[in-house]
Amino acid sequence: MKILTLFLILSLALALPALAQGNDGNGGNGGGGGNGGDAGGDNGGTGGTGGTGGTGGSGGSGGAGGNASGGGTGGVFGTGSATGTSGRVTRAVTRTLNRDFRNCQRLSPVYRFDCYLRTYKLAIDQMAGLPAYRPAKQALEGVEETLQRIVARDADRSAPRKNVGFQSYRAITAAAVPGAKRELNRALEEAETKLLRSAKQGNTQFASIAEAVNSNKVLLRSALLEISGRVLAMLN
């Protein structure tokens, strides 16, 4: 009996170290799992970086989209004809020529030429700094120069200036009016011809300006006929 008891004690004594080592091994496995977790965490961090890179790629796409958007904006500001002319500018010029030239007819004939001069100066100023309108501007400048010459050469120094609103107009002599009308008519015809020629060469909006110049010519001829009628009436 004693021998059996001793045998059991010895067996337990031999088994305890093995059990202890087995537990340590399990702990080691746990540690290994911990390392695995750390490694997983590192990999996860790397994965996060990869995600950031993906976002960066999206940012690049956004930049491309921005460029596309910018291109679209450029298209909006570039709206107009292929020659670079603008419907807004053309309408402003034709409106000035039609409206202001017609308003000049309300004045006495001796004051109209200075009024015409102001009309053409204003129309020319509306095209200033616009290269696409250079041909039209030069055509109207021919009319302006003719009017400047008439007003300076045929000025009536004894006549008072005519004030209309904020504008003041100089008179030419009554005797000079018929000749001044013919001279201005030639200048208008020349300007109209130049504008129509440019319109045929691709500056299609210049046709509208030419039409306005022609309207001025019609008004001028009507006034000339009116004066001629008065002269004939006086002679009779």
C-alpha atoms as a PDB file:
ATOM      1  CA  MET A   1       0.000   0.000   0.000  1.00  0.00           C
ATOM      2  CA  LYS A   2       2.791   2.333   0.881  1.00  0.00           C
ATOM      3  CA  ILE A   3       4.546   1.384  -2.346  1.00  0.00           C
ATOM      4  CA  LEU A   4       1.435   2.288  -4.387  1.00  0.00           C
ATOM      5  CA  THR A   5       1.154   5.638  -2.626  1.00  0.00           C
ATOM      6  CA  LEU A   6       4.800   6.457  -3.330  1.00  0.00           C
ATOM      7  CA  PHE A   7       4.296   5.528  -6.990  1.00  0.00           C
ATOM      8  CA  LEU A   8       1.359   7.923  -7.326  1.00  0.00           C
ATOM      9  CA  ILE A   9       3.305  10.764  -5.668  1.00  0.00           C
ATOM     10  CA  LEU A  10       6.237  10.217  -8.010  1.00  0.00           C
ATOM     11  CA  SER A  11       3.916  10.141 -11.038  1.00  0.00           C
ATOM     12  CA  LEU A  12       2.335  13.446 -10.003  1.00  0.00           C
ATOM     13  CA  ALA A  13       5.723  15.011  -9.394  1.00  0.00           C
ATOM     14  CA  LEU A  14       6.856  14.025 -12.878  1.00  0.00           C
ATOM     15  CA  ALA A  15       3.590  15.226 -14.478  1.00  0.00           C
ATOM     16  CA  LEU A  16       3.560  18.759 -12.925  1.00  0.00           C
ATOM     17  CA  PRO A  17       6.552  20.183 -14.889  1.00  0.00           C
ATOM     18  CA  ALA A  18       5.035  18.889 -18.143  1.00  0.00           C
ATOM     19  CA  LEU A  19       1.717  20.545 -17.300  1.00  0.00           C
ATOM     20  CA  ALA A  20       3.507  23.773 -16.420  1.00  0.00           C
ATOM     21  CA  GLN A  21       5.337  23.734 -19.772  1.00  0.00           C
ATOM     22  CA  GLY A  22       2.063  23.042 -21.576  1.00  0.00           C
ATOM     23  CA  ASN A  23       0.427  26.073 -19.938  1.00  0.00           C
ATOM     24  CA  ASP A  24       3.389  28.257 -20.833  1.00  0.00           C
ATOM     25  CA  GLY A  25       3.056  27.002 -24.379  1.00  0.00           C
ATOM     26  CA  ASN A  26      -0.590  28.009 -24.420  1.00  0.00           C
ATOM     27  CA  GLY A  27       0.416  31.374 -23.099  1.00  0.00           C
ATOM     28  CA  GLY A  28       2.940  31.528 -25.895  1.00  0.00           C
ATOM     29  CA  ASN A  29       0.176  30.815 -28.342  1.00  0.00           C
ATOM     30  CA  GLY A  30      -1.755  33.633 -26.801  1.00  0.00           C
ATOM     31  CA  GLY A  31       1.273  35.839 -27.216  1.00  0.00           C
ATOM     32  CA  GLY A  32       1.507  34.682 -30.765  1.00  0.00           C
ATOM     33  CA  GLY A  33      -2.078  35.691 -31.211  1.00  0.00           C
ATOM     34  CA  GLY A  34      -1.169  39.054 -29.766  1.00  0.00           C
ATOM     35  CA  ASN A  35       1.605  39.416 -32.293  1.00  0.00           C
ATOM     36  CA  GLY A  36      -0.814  38.391 -34.918  1.00  0.00           C
ATOM     37  CA  GLY A  37      -3.091  41.184 -33.694  1.00  0.00           C
ATOM     38  CA  ASP A  38      -0.235  43.684 -33.793  1.00  0.00           C
ATOM     39  CA  ALA A  39       0.662  42.548 -37.245  1.00  0.00           C
ATOM     40  CA  GLY A  40      -2.956  42.785 -38.221  1.00  0.00           C
ATOM     41  CA  GLY A  41      -3.058  46.318 -36.793  1.00  0.00           C
ATOM     42  CA  ASP A  42      -0.015  47.320 -38.795  1.00  0.00           C
ATOM     43  CA  ASN A  43      -1.501  45.857 -41.914  1.00  0.00           C
ATOM     44  CA  GLY A  44      -4.711  47.593 -41.123  1.00  0.00           C
ATOM     45  CA  GLY A  45      -2.778  50.875 -40.874  1.00  0.00           C
ATOM     46  CA  THR A  46      -1.208  50.181 -44.197  1.00  0.00           C
ATOM     47  CA  GLY A  47      -4.628  49.467 -45.582  1.00  0.00           C
ATOM     48  CA  GLY A  48      -5.733  52.876 -44.275  1.00  0.00           C
ATOM     49  CA  THR A  49      -2.880  54.510 -46.105  1.00  0.00           C
ATOM     50  CA  GLY A  50      -3.970  52.714 -49.219  1.00  0.00           C
ATOM     51  CA  GLY A  51      -7.415  54.178 -48.673  1.00  0.00           C
ATOM     52  CA  THR A  52      -5.906  57.641 -48.446  1.00  0.00           C
ATOM     53  CA  GLY A  53      -4.152  57.032 -51.719  1.00  0.00           C
ATOM     54  CA  GLY A  54      -7.479  56.110 -53.240  1.00  0.00           C
ATOM     55  CA  THR A  55      -8.933  59.354 -51.987  1.00  0.00           C
ATOM     56  CA  GLY A  56      -6.035  61.208 -53.539  1.00  0.00           C
ATOM     57  CA  GLY A  57      -6.945  59.588 -56.824  1.00  0.00           C
ATOM     58  CA  SER A  58     -10.463  60.849 -56.455  1.00  0.00           C
ATOM     59  CA  GLY A  59      -9.039  64.306 -55.827  1.00  0.00           C
ATOM     60  CA  GLY A  60      -7.228  64.034 -59.129  1.00  0.00           C
ATOM     61  CA  SER A  61     -10.498  63.234 -60.839  1.00  0.00           C
ATOM     62  CA  GLY A  62     -11.993  66.266 -59.157  1.00  0.00           C
ATOM     63  CA  GLY A  63      -9.211  68.393 -60.615  1.00  0.00           C
ATOM     64  CA  ALA A  64      -9.998  67.034 -64.041  1.00  0.00           C
ATOM     65  CA  GLY A  65     -13.614  67.890 -63.488  1.00  0.00           C
ATOM     66  CA  GLY A  66     -12.547  71.397 -62.475  1.00  0.00           C
ATOM     67  CA  ASN A  67     -10.697  71.759 -65.729  1.00  0.00           C
ATOM     68  CA  ALA A  68     -13.764  70.637 -67.620  1.00  0.00           C
ATOM     69  CA  SER A  69     -15.810  73.149 -65.684  1.00  0.00           C
ATOM     70  CA  GLY A  70     -13.284  75.873 -66.429  1.00  0.00           C
ATOM     71  CA  GLY A  71     -13.482  75.018 -70.102  1.00  0.00           C
ATOM     72  CA  GLY A  72     -17.220  75.400 -69.972  1.00  0.00           C
ATOM     73  CA  THR A  73     -16.873  78.821 -68.388  1.00  0.00           C
ATOM     74  CA  GLY A  74     -14.485  79.847 -71.100  1.00  0.00           C
ATOM     75  CA  GLY A  75     -17.112  78.853 -73.607  1.00  0.00           C
ATOM     76  CA  VAL A  76     -19.641  81.162 -71.953  1.00  0.00           C
ATOM     77  CA  PHE A  77     -17.343  84.186 -72.029  1.00  0.00           C
ATOM     78  CA  GLY A  78     -16.431  83.391 -75.597  1.00  0.00           C
ATOM     79  CA  THR A  79     -20.049  83.663 -76.711  1.00  0.00           C
ATOM     80  CA  GLY A  80     -20.322  85.682 -79.906  1.00  0.00           C
ATOM     81  CA  SER A  81     -19.603  85.316 -83.587  1.00  0.00           C
ATOM     82  CA  ALA A  82     -16.581  83.498 -84.965  1.00  0.00           C
ATOM     83  CA  THR A  83     -14.984  86.884 -85.716  1.00  0.00           C
ATOM     84  CA  GLY A  84     -15.088  87.981 -82.068  1.00  0.00           C
ATOM     85  CA  THR A  85     -17.836  90.562 -82.537  1.00  0.00           C
ATOM     86  CA  SER A  86     -20.600  90.875 -79.956  1.00  0.00           C
ATOM     87  CA  GLY A  87     -24.321  91.203 -80.529  1.00  0.00           C
ATOM     88  CA  ARG A  88     -24.543  93.508 -77.519  1.00  0.00           C
ATOM     89  CA  VAL A  89     -21.923  95.926 -78.894  1.00  0.00           C
ATOM     90  CA  THR A  90     -23.419  95.869 -82.387  1.00  0.00           C
ATOM     91  CA  ARG A  91     -26.886  96.659 -81.013  1.00  0.00           C
ATOM     92  CA  ALA A  92     -25.496  99.555 -78.963  1.00  0.00           C
ATOM     93  CA  VAL A  93     -23.778 101.066 -82.011  1.00  0.00           C
ATOM     94  CA  THR A  94     -26.802 100.731 -84.309  1.00  0.00           C
ATOM     95  CA  ARG A  95     -29.116 102.099 -81.610  1.00  0.00           C
ATOM     96  CA  THR A  96     -26.921 105.178 -81.210  1.00  0.00           C
ATOM     97  CA  LEU A  97     -26.739 105.818 -84.953  1.00  0.00           C
ATOM     98  CA  ASN A  98     -30.480 105.387 -85.502  1.00  0.00           C
ATOM     99  CA  ARG A  99     -31.811 107.161 -82.423  1.00  0.00           C
ATOM    100  CA  ASP A 100     -29.366 110.037 -82.027  1.00  0.00           C
ATOM    101  CA  PHE A 101     -29.131 110.906 -85.731  1.00  0.00           C
ATOM    102  CA  ARG A 102     -32.930 111.020 -85.870  1.00  0.00           C
ATOM    103  CA  ASN A 103     -33.035 113.267 -82.805  1.00  0.00           C
ATOM    104  CA  CYS A 104     -30.694 115.702 -84.548  1.00  0.00           C
ATOM    105  CA  GLN A 105     -33.475 116.407 -87.068  1.00  0.00           C
ATOM    106  CA  ARG A 106     -35.301 118.330 -84.342  1.00  0.00           C
ATOM    107  CA  LEU A 107     -32.645 121.038 -84.502  1.00  0.00           C
ATOM    108  CA  SER A 108     -32.367 123.824 -87.022  1.00  0.00           C
ATOM    109  CA  PRO A 109     -30.323 122.621 -90.053  1.00  0.00           C
ATOM    110  CA  VAL A 110     -27.389 124.874 -89.144  1.00  0.00           C
ATOM    111  CA  TYR A 111     -26.941 123.038 -85.810  1.00  0.00           C
ATOM    112  CA  ARG A 112     -27.471 119.502 -87.045  1.00  0.00           C
ATOM    113  CA  PHE A 113     -23.936 118.866 -88.251  1.00  0.00           C
ATOM    114  CA  ASP A 114     -22.408 119.316 -84.820  1.00  0.00           C
ATOM    115  CA  CYS A 115     -25.164 117.022 -83.514  1.00  0.00           C
ATOM    116  CA  TYR A 116     -24.304 114.431 -86.174  1.00  0.00           C
ATOM    117  CA  LEU A 117     -20.667 114.728 -85.129  1.00  0.00           C
ATOM    118  CA  ARG A 118     -21.531 113.906 -81.525  1.00  0.00           C
ATOM    119  CA  THR A 119     -23.608 110.919 -82.699  1.00  0.00           C
ATOM    120  CA  TYR A 120     -20.726 109.388 -84.633  1.00  0.00           C
ATOM    121  CA  LYS A 121     -18.215 110.088 -81.874  1.00  0.00           C
ATOM    122  CA  LEU A 122     -20.429 108.216 -79.420  1.00  0.00           C
ATOM    123  CA  ALA A 123     -20.873 105.248 -81.770  1.00  0.00           C
ATOM    124  CA  ILE A 124     -17.106 105.068 -82.343  1.00  0.00           C
ATOM    125  CA  ASP A 125     -16.411 105.200 -78.600  1.00  0.00           C
ATOM    126  CA  GLN A 126     -18.682 102.181 -78.118  1.00  0.00           C
ATOM    127  CA  MET A 127     -16.255 100.138 -80.233  1.00  0.00           C
ATOM    128  CA  ALA A 128     -13.063 101.462 -78.630  1.00  0.00           C
ATOM    129  CA  GLY A 129     -10.584  98.794 -77.506  1.00  0.00           C
ATOM    130  CA  LEU A 130     -12.350  96.016 -79.452  1.00  0.00           C
ATOM    131  CA  PRO A 131     -10.022  94.693 -82.204  1.00  0.00           C
ATOM    132  CA  ALA A 132     -12.839  92.773 -83.906  1.00  0.00           C
ATOM    133  CA  TYR A 133     -14.610  96.080 -84.576  1.00  0.00           C
ATOM    134  CA  ARG A 134     -11.594  97.879 -86.048  1.00  0.00           C
ATOM    135  CA  PRO A 135     -12.932  97.818 -89.665  1.00  0.00           C
ATOM    136  CA  ALA A 136     -16.315  99.207 -88.569  1.00  0.00           C
ATOM    137  CA  LYS A 137     -14.660 101.790 -86.341  1.00  0.00           C
ATOM    138  CA  GLN A 138     -12.448 102.974 -89.198  1.00  0.00           C
ATOM    139  CA  ALA A 139     -15.451 103.243 -91.518  1.00  0.00           C
ATOM    140  CA  LEU A 140     -17.322 105.468 -89.060  1.00  0.00           C
ATOM    141  CA  GLU A 141     -14.197 107.509 -88.357  1.00  0.00           C
ATOM    142  CA  GLY A 142     -14.289 108.590 -92.010  1.00  0.00           C
ATOM    143  CA  VAL A 143     -17.724 110.115 -91.374  1.00  0.00           C
ATOM    144  CA  GLU A 144     -16.511 111.700 -88.151  1.00  0.00           C
ATOM    145  CA  GLU A 145     -13.565 113.357 -89.908  1.00  0.00           C
ATOM    146  CA  THR A 146     -15.869 114.765 -92.588  1.00  0.00           C
ATOM    147  CA  LEU A 147     -18.164 116.250 -89.945  1.00  0.00           C
ATOM    148  CA  GLN A 148     -15.235 117.730 -88.027  1.00  0.00           C
ATOM    149  CA  ARG A 149     -14.058 119.414 -91.215  1.00  0.00           C
ATOM    150  CA  ILE A 150     -17.534 120.787 -91.996  1.00  0.00           C
ATOM    151  CA  VAL A 151     -18.125 122.183 -88.503  1.00  0.00           C
ATOM    152  CA  ALA A 152     -14.684 123.821 -88.374  1.00  0.00           C
ATOM    153  CA  ARG A 153     -14.641 125.166 -91.938  1.00  0.00           C
ATOM    154  CA  ASP A 154     -18.237 126.405 -92.190  1.00  0.00           C
ATOM    155  CA  ALA A 155     -18.676 127.607 -88.598  1.00  0.00           C
ATOM    156  CA  ASP A 156     -20.958 130.596 -88.037  1.00  0.00           C
ATOM    157  CA  ARG A 157     -18.989 132.574 -85.455  1.00  0.00           C
ATOM    158  CA  SER A 158     -21.824 135.021 -84.903  1.00  0.00           C
ATOM    159  CA  ALA A 159     -24.473 132.417 -84.058  1.00  0.00           C
ATOM    160  CA  PRO A 160     -25.017 131.423 -80.416  1.00  0.00           C
ATOM    161  CA  ARG A 161     -24.545 127.826 -79.357  1.00  0.00           C
ATOM    162  CA  LYS A 162     -27.682 125.718 -79.127  1.00  0.00           C
ATOM    163  CA  ASN A 163     -28.154 124.016 -75.766  1.00  0.00           C
ATOM    164  CA  VAL A 164     -30.197 120.816 -75.648  1.00  0.00           C
ATOM    165  CA  GLY A 165     -30.192 119.112 -72.279  1.00  0.00           C
ATOM    166  CA  PHE A 166     -26.550 118.743 -71.263  1.00  0.00           C
ATOM    167  CA  GLN A 167     -25.294 119.127 -74.848  1.00  0.00           C
ATOM    168  CA  SER A 168     -24.255 122.297 -76.643  1.00  0.00           C
ATOM    169  CA  TYR A 169     -24.070 122.515 -80.444  1.00  0.00           C
ATOM    170  CA  ARG A 170     -22.245 124.913 -82.764  1.00  0.00           C
ATOM    171  CA  ALA A 171     -23.845 126.349 -85.896  1.00  0.00           C
ATOM    172  CA  ILE A 172     -22.559 126.468 -89.452  1.00  0.00           C
ATOM    173  CA  THR A 173     -23.638 129.190 -91.857  1.00  0.00           C
ATOM    174  CA  ALA A 174     -26.977 128.733 -93.588  1.00  0.00           C
ATOM    175  CA  ALA A 175     -25.306 129.177 -96.974  1.00  0.00           C
ATOM    176  CA  ALA A 176     -23.005 126.219 -96.273  1.00  0.00           C
ATOM    177  CA  VAL A 177     -25.791 123.768 -95.396  1.00  0.00           C
ATOM    178  CA  PRO A 178     -26.596 122.376 -98.893  1.00  0.00           C
ATOM    179  CA  GLY A 179     -22.925 121.761 -99.734  1.00  0.00           C
ATOM    180  CA  ALA A 180     -22.291 120.274 -96.281  1.00  0.00           C
ATOM    181  CA  LYS A 181     -25.175 117.840 -96.782  1.00  0.00           C
ATOM    182  CA  ARG A 182     -23.782 116.642-100.104  1.00  0.00           C
ATOM    183  CA  GLU A 183     -20.325 116.216 -98.585  1.00  0.00           C
ATOM    184  CA  LEU A 184     -21.711 114.266 -95.644  1.00  0.00           C
ATOM    185  CA  ASN A 185     -23.826 112.115 -97.968  1.00  0.00           C
ATOM    186  CA  ARG A 186     -20.684 111.038 -99.847  1.00  0.00           C
ATOM    187  CA  ALA A 187     -18.967 110.153 -96.565  1.00  0.00           C
ATOM    188  CA  LEU A 188     -21.970 108.081 -95.470  1.00  0.00           C
ATOM    189  CA  GLU A 189     -22.030 106.211 -98.781  1.00  0.00           C
ATOM    190  CA  GLU A 190     -18.330 105.428 -98.469  1.00  0.00           C
ATOM    191  CA  ALA A 191     -18.763 104.166 -94.888  1.00  0.00           C
ATOM    192  CA  GLU A 192     -21.713 101.990 -95.902  1.00  0.00           C
ATOM    193  CA  THR A 193     -19.705 100.470 -98.769  1.00  0.00           C
ATOM    194  CA  LYS A 194     -16.798  99.610 -96.447  1.00  0.00           C
ATOM    195  CA  LEU A 195     -19.101  98.045 -93.874  1.00  0.00           C
ATOM    196  CA  LEU A 196     -20.905  95.908 -96.449  1.00  0.00           C
ATOM    197  CA  ARG A 197     -17.570  94.764 -97.876  1.00  0.00           C
ATOM    198  CA  SER A 198     -16.435  93.681 -94.401  1.00  0.00           C
ATOM    199  CA  ALA A 199     -19.770  91.918 -93.866  1.00  0.00           C
ATOM    200  CA  LYS A 200     -19.215  89.859 -97.023  1.00  0.00           C
ATOM    201  CA  GLN A 201     -15.748  88.911 -95.752  1.00  0.00           C
ATOM    202  CA  GLY A 202     -17.229  87.315 -92.629  1.00  0.00           C
ATOM    203  CA  ASN A 203     -18.009  90.204 -90.275  1.00  0.00           C
ATOM    204  CA  THR A 204     -21.732  89.605 -90.682  1.00  0.00           C
ATOM    205  CA  GLN A 205     -22.748  91.887 -87.810  1.00  0.00           C
ATOM    206  CA  PHE A 206     -21.319  94.856 -89.708  1.00  0.00           C
ATOM    207  CA  ALA A 207     -24.306  94.566 -92.043  1.00  0.00           C
ATOM    208  CA  SER A 208     -26.493  95.885 -89.207  1.00  0.00           C
ATOM    209  CA  ILE A 209     -24.207  98.895 -88.757  1.00  0.00           C
ATOM    210  CA  ALA A 210     -24.256  99.487 -92.526  1.00  0.00           C
ATOM    211  CA  GLU A 211     -28.057  99.460 -92.410  1.00  0.00           C
ATOM    212  CA  ALA A 212     -28.015 102.124 -89.686  1.00  0.00           C
ATOM    213  CA  VAL A 213     -25.652 104.284 -91.765  1.00  0.00           C
ATOM    214  CA  ASN A 214     -28.010 103.902 -94.726  1.00  0.00           C
ATOM    215  CA  SER A 215     -30.904 105.069 -92.542  1.00  0.00           C
ATOM    216  CA  ASN A 216     -28.862 108.161 -91.661  1.00  0.00           C
ATOM    217  CA  LYS A 217     -28.303 108.754 -95.368  1.00  0.00           C
ATOM    218  CA  VAL A 218     -32.054 108.554 -96.051  1.00  0.00           C
ATOM    219  CA  LEU A 219     -32.785 111.101 -93.312  1.00  0.00           C
ATOM    220  CA  LEU A 220     -30.080 113.400 -94.632  1.00  0.00           C
ATOM    221  CA  ARG A 221     -31.478 113.258 -98.178  1.00  0.00           C
ATOM    222  CA  SER A 222     -34.980 113.964 -96.869  1.00  0.00           C
ATOM    223  CA  ALA A 223     -33.669 117.049 -95.123  1.00  0.00           C
ATOM    224  CA  LEU A 224     -31.840 118.096 -98.281  1.00  0.00           C
ATOM    225  CA  LEU A 225     -35.032 117.772-100.326  1.00  0.00           C
ATOM    226  CA  GLU A 226     -36.840 119.806 -97.680  1.00  0.00           C
ATOM    227  CA  ILE A 227     -34.316 122.627 -97.980  1.00  0.00           C
ATOM    228  CA  SER A 228     -34.398 122.486-101.777  1.00  0.00           C
ATOM    229  CA  GLY A 229     -38.183 122.768-101.655  1.00  0.00           C
ATOM    230  CA  ARG A 230     -37.977 125.834 -99.448  1.00  0.00           C
ATOM    231  CA  VAL A 231     -35.469 127.478-101.773  1.00  0.00           C
ATOM    232  CA  LEU A 232     -37.662 126.816-104.806  1.00  0.00           C
ATOM    233  CA  ALA A 233     -40.676 128.203-102.938  1.00  0.00           C
ATOM    234  CA  MET A 234     -38.775 131.395-102.175  1.00  0.00           C
ATOM    235  CA  LEU A 235     -37.727 131.785-105.812  1.00  0.00           C
ATOM    236  CA  ASN A 236     -41.292 131.419-106.964  1.00  0.00           C
END
